[in-house]
Every structure is written in structure tokens, then in C-alpha cells.
C-alpha atoms as a PDB file:
ATOM      1  CA  MET A   1      33.330  10.157  33.271  1.00  0.00           C
ATOM      2  CA  GLY A   2      32.167   8.755  36.571  1.00  0.00           C
ATOM      3  CA  SER A   3      31.331   5.199  37.469  1.00  0.00           C
ATOM      4  CA  LEU A   4      28.057   3.583  36.518  1.00  0.00           C
ATOM      5  CA  GLY A   5      25.376   3.798  39.157  1.00  0.00           C
ATOM      6  CA  TRP A   6      22.114   1.856  39.499  1.00  0.00           C
ATOM      7  CA  PRO A   7      20.068   4.251  37.332  1.00  0.00           C
ATOM      8  CA  GLU A   8      22.556   3.972  34.455  1.00  0.00           C
ATOM      9  CA  ILE A   9      22.688   0.189  34.736  1.00  0.00           C
ATOM     10  CA  LEU A  10      18.876  -0.003  34.656  1.00  0.00           C
ATOM     11  CA  ILE A  11      18.764   2.198  31.548  1.00  0.00           C
ATOM     12  CA  ILE A  12      21.361   0.018  29.808  1.00  0.00           C
ATOM     13  CA  ALA A  13      19.420  -3.128  30.773  1.00  0.00           C
ATOM     14  CA  ALA A  14      16.187  -1.645  29.397  1.00  0.00           C
ATOM     15  CA  VAL A  15      17.881  -0.739  26.107  1.00  0.00           C
ATOM     16  CA  LEU A  16      19.342  -4.252  25.810  1.00  0.00           C
ATOM     17  CA  LEU A  17      15.934  -5.756  26.531  1.00  0.00           C
ATOM     18  CA  LEU A  18      14.361  -3.636  23.802  1.00  0.00           C
ATOM     19  CA  LEU A  19      17.102  -4.382  21.269  1.00  0.00           C
ATOM     20  CA  PHE A  20      17.508  -8.129  21.746  1.00  0.00           C
ATOM     21  CA  GLY A  21      14.255  -9.240  23.322  1.00  0.00           C
ATOM     22  CA  ALA A  22      13.617 -11.252  26.457  1.00  0.00           C
ATOM     23  CA  THR A  23      14.188 -14.627  24.784  1.00  0.00           C
ATOM     24  CA  ARG A  24      17.724 -13.960  23.544  1.00  0.00           C
ATOM     25  CA  LEU A  25      19.128 -12.160  26.599  1.00  0.00           C
ATOM     26  CA  PRO A  26      19.538 -15.278  28.819  1.00  0.00           C
ATOM     27  CA  ASN A  27      21.373 -17.109  26.038  1.00  0.00           C
ATOM     28  CA  MET A  28      23.639 -14.115  25.467  1.00  0.00           C
ATOM     29  CA  ALA A  29      24.405 -13.810  29.187  1.00  0.00           C
ATOM     30  CA  ARG A  30      25.161 -17.537  29.417  1.00  0.00           C
ATOM     31  CA  SER A  31      27.473 -17.322  26.409  1.00  0.00           C
ATOM     32  CA  LEU A  32      29.233 -14.290  27.874  1.00  0.00           C
ATOM     33  CA  GLY A  33      29.722 -16.108  31.192  1.00  0.00           C
ATOM     34  CA  ARG A  34      31.243 -19.135  29.449  1.00  0.00           C
ATOM     35  CA  SER A  35      33.575 -16.931  27.443  1.00  0.00           C
ATOM     36  CA  MET A  36      34.742 -15.098  30.570  1.00  0.00           C
ATOM     37  CA  ARG A  37      35.356 -18.401  32.383  1.00  0.00           C
ATOM     38  CA  ILE A  38      37.422 -19.761  29.469  1.00  0.00           C
ATOM     39  CA  PHE A  39      39.369 -16.508  29.253  1.00  0.00           C
ATOM     40  CA  LYS A  40      40.170 -16.550  32.979  1.00  0.00           C
ATOM     41  CA  SER A  41      41.258 -20.190  32.909  1.00  0.00           C
ATOM     42  CA  GLU A  42      43.566 -19.505  29.941  1.00  0.00           C
ATOM     43  CA  MET A  43      45.077 -16.491  31.716  1.00  0.00           C
ATOM     44  CA  ASP A  44      45.687 -18.568  34.862  1.00  0.00           C
ATOM     45  CA  GLU A  45      47.290 -21.284  32.764  1.00  0.00           C
ATOM     46  CA  MET A  46      49.591 -18.737  31.130  1.00  0.00           C
ATOM     47  CA  ARG A  47      50.610 -17.350  34.526  1.00  0.00           C
ATOM     48  CA  ASN A  48      51.357 -20.845  35.836  1.00  0.00           C
ATOM     49  CA  ASP A  49      53.232 -21.780  32.669  1.00  0.00           C
ATOM     50  CA  ARG A  50      55.548 -18.738  32.555  1.00  0.00           C
ATOM     51  CA  PRO A  51      57.745 -19.507  35.628  1.00  0.00           C
ATOM     52  CA  ALA A  52      58.222 -23.100  34.482  1.00  0.00           C
ATOM     53  CA  ARG A  53      59.713 -21.927  31.185  1.00  0.00           C
ATOM     54  CA  GLY A  54      62.013 -19.312  32.699  1.00  0.00           C
ATOM     55  CA  ALA A  55      63.183 -21.557  35.551  1.00  0.00           C
ATOM     56  CA  THR A  56      66.165 -22.916  33.605  1.00  0.00           C
ATOM     57  CA  SER A  57      68.825 -20.272  34.078  1.00  0.00           C
ATOM     58  CA  ASP A  58      71.656 -22.788  33.706  1.00  0.00           C
ATOM     59  CA  PRO A  59      73.370 -22.116  30.342  1.00  0.00           C
ATOM     60  CA  ALA A  60      74.349 -25.784  30.034  1.00  0.00           C
ATOM     61  CA  ALA A  61      70.685 -26.778  30.110  1.00  0.00           C
ATOM     62  CA  LEU A  62      69.844 -24.530  27.181  1.00  0.00           C
ATOM     63  CA  PRO A  63      69.949 -26.115  23.730  1.00  0.00           C
ATOM     64  CA  GLN A  64      73.224 -25.589  21.905  1.00  0.00           C
ATOM     65  CA  SER A  65      73.035 -23.991  18.495  1.00  0.00           C
ATOM     66  CA  THR A  66      74.621 -26.025  15.767  1.00  0.00           C
ATOM     67  CA  VAL A  67      75.951 -24.792  12.488  1.00  0.00           C
ATOM     68  CA  ALA A  68      75.226 -27.028   9.547  1.00  0.00           C
ATOM     69  CA  ASP A  69      78.024 -28.085   7.257  1.00  0.00           C
ATOM     70  CA  PRO A  70      78.017 -26.325   3.898  1.00  0.00           C
ATOM     71  CA  VAL A  71      76.276 -28.233   1.149  1.00  0.00           C
ATOM     72  CA  VAL A  72      78.716 -29.588  -1.395  1.00  0.00           C
ATOM     73  CA  GLU A  73      77.242 -30.513  -4.744  1.00  0.00           C
ATOM     74  CA  THR A  74      78.872 -33.225  -6.796  1.00  0.00           C
ATOM     75  CA  PRO A  75      79.188 -32.767 -10.569  1.00  0.00           C
ATOM     76  CA  GLU A  76      76.575 -35.502 -11.119  1.00  0.00           C
ATOM     77  CA  GLN A  77      74.125 -33.739  -8.825  1.00  0.00           C
ATOM     78  CA  ALA A  78      74.776 -30.408 -10.553  1.00  0.00           C
ATOM     79  CA  GLU A  79      74.146 -31.952 -13.979  1.00  0.00           C
ATOM     80  CA  ALA A  80      70.937 -33.615 -12.760  1.00  0.00           C
ATOM     81  CA  ARG A  81      69.752 -30.295 -11.296  1.00  0.00           C
ATOM     82  CA  ARG A  82      70.465 -28.458 -14.581  1.00  0.00           C
ATOM     83  CA  GLN A  83      68.575 -31.093 -16.570  1.00  0.00           C
ATOM     84  CA  ALA A  84      65.603 -30.909 -14.217  1.00  0.00           C
ATOM     85  CA  GLN A  85      65.529 -27.121 -14.541  1.00  0.00           C
ATOM     86  CA  ALA A  86      65.764 -27.356 -18.324  1.00  0.00           C
ATOM     87  CA  GLN A  87      62.841 -29.782 -18.425  1.00  0.00           C
ATOM     88  CA  ALA A  88      60.798 -27.628 -16.073  1.00  0.00           C
ATOM     89  CA  GLN A  89      61.167 -24.532 -18.244  1.00  0.00           C
ATOM     90  CA  PRO A  90      58.726 -24.388 -21.163  1.00  0.00           C
ATOM     91  CA  GLN A  91      60.193 -24.350 -24.649  1.00  0.00           C
ATOM     92  CA  VAL A  92      59.324 -21.095 -26.397  1.00  0.00           C
ATOM     93  CA  THR A  93      59.435 -21.048 -30.167  1.00  0.00           C
ATOM     94  CA  GLN A  94      59.443 -17.873 -32.223  1.00  0.00           C
ATOM     95  CA  VAL A  95      56.698 -17.686 -34.835  1.00  0.00           C
ATOM     96  CA  PRO A  96      57.212 -15.045 -37.530  1.00  0.00           C
ATOM     97  CA  VAL A  97      54.470 -12.465 -37.650  1.00  0.00           C
ATOM     98  CA  GLN A  98      52.903 -11.943 -41.070  1.00  0.00           C
ATOM     99  CA  GLN A  99      51.440  -8.609 -42.035  1.00  0.00           C
ATOM    100  CA  PRO A 100      47.807  -8.761 -43.194  1.00  0.00           C
ATOM    101  CA  ALA A 101      47.149  -8.092 -46.860  1.00  0.00           C
ATOM    102  CA  PRO A 102      46.125  -4.496 -47.559  1.00  0.00           C
ATOM    103  CA  GLN A 103      42.413  -4.056 -48.204  1.00  0.00           C
ATOM    104  CA  GLU A 104      40.555  -1.288 -49.943  1.00  0.00           C
ATOM    105  CA  GLN A 105      39.101   1.259 -47.628  1.00  0.00           C
ATOM    106  CA  ALA A 106      35.365   1.469 -47.775  1.00  0.00           C
ATOM    107  CA  ARG A 107      34.109   4.830 -48.928  1.00  0.00           C
ATOM    108  CA  PRO A 108      30.956   6.316 -47.466  1.00  0.00           C
ATOM    109  CA  ARG A 109      28.012   5.789 -49.749  1.00  0.00           C
ATOM    110  CA  ASP A 110      26.422   8.902 -51.097  1.00  0.00           C
ATOM    111  CA  ASP A 111      22.648   8.525 -51.127  1.00  0.00           C
ATOM    112  CA  ARG A 112      22.204  11.728 -53.102  1.00  0.00           C
ATOM    113  CA  GLN A 113      23.378  10.369 -56.455  1.00  0.00           C
ATOM    114  CA  GLY A 114      21.166  12.348 -58.746  1.00  0.00           C
ATOM    115  CA  LEU A 115      21.508  15.818 -57.247  1.00  0.00           C
END
């Protein structure tokens, strides 16, 4: 598992040339270069951004957590909520199931009637 030398790099380049062709390789290299440049700039931005976020060590500067008051529902609101739920639920009616009338079973026809 050594490092890549010039002979290995030339072999890899020849394989890439055979696989992708001479016309597509410059476009692929250009696209790879752009992607690497964008990646590096984003990494630099993250490094520069991190100390600015962690710089506030003063507990007074941190946002205070607030606890919301419990929700109190008035009787009118409760009744309106129940009515809305009742209207939202579909009305299901029971339909009695009727048994089908019995039918005669068909008997197999015997083609050998005279024998």
C-alpha cells in the first residue's frame, strides 16, 4: 500500500482516457476543480464562523428559556372543539346484511345417457 508513483499515475490516466474519451476529460477535470474550490471555500467559511458563535461565554448574553403558561380552555371553546370533531368524523350507519336465497346446486351432466 505505497504511494502512487509516476508509472501508476500514467496507467490511471491511460485508463481514464480510454474509458471517457479525450473530449470529455477536460470538462470532467474542470468540473472537479470547481467542486474542490467550492468545497474549500465552504470549509474556510465554517472555520471562520465557528469562533464567532462560541465567543459569547457570558451567561447573561445567552437567550433565556421561557416556560409558556398552561393553556386554559373555556367551556365555550371546549364545546366548539367537540362540535368540530363531531362534524369531522364521518357518520357510519349500520346496514343489515341479508343472506342470499338458496339456489339449487348444478349437477354434472352425464353425456352417457343411453348406456
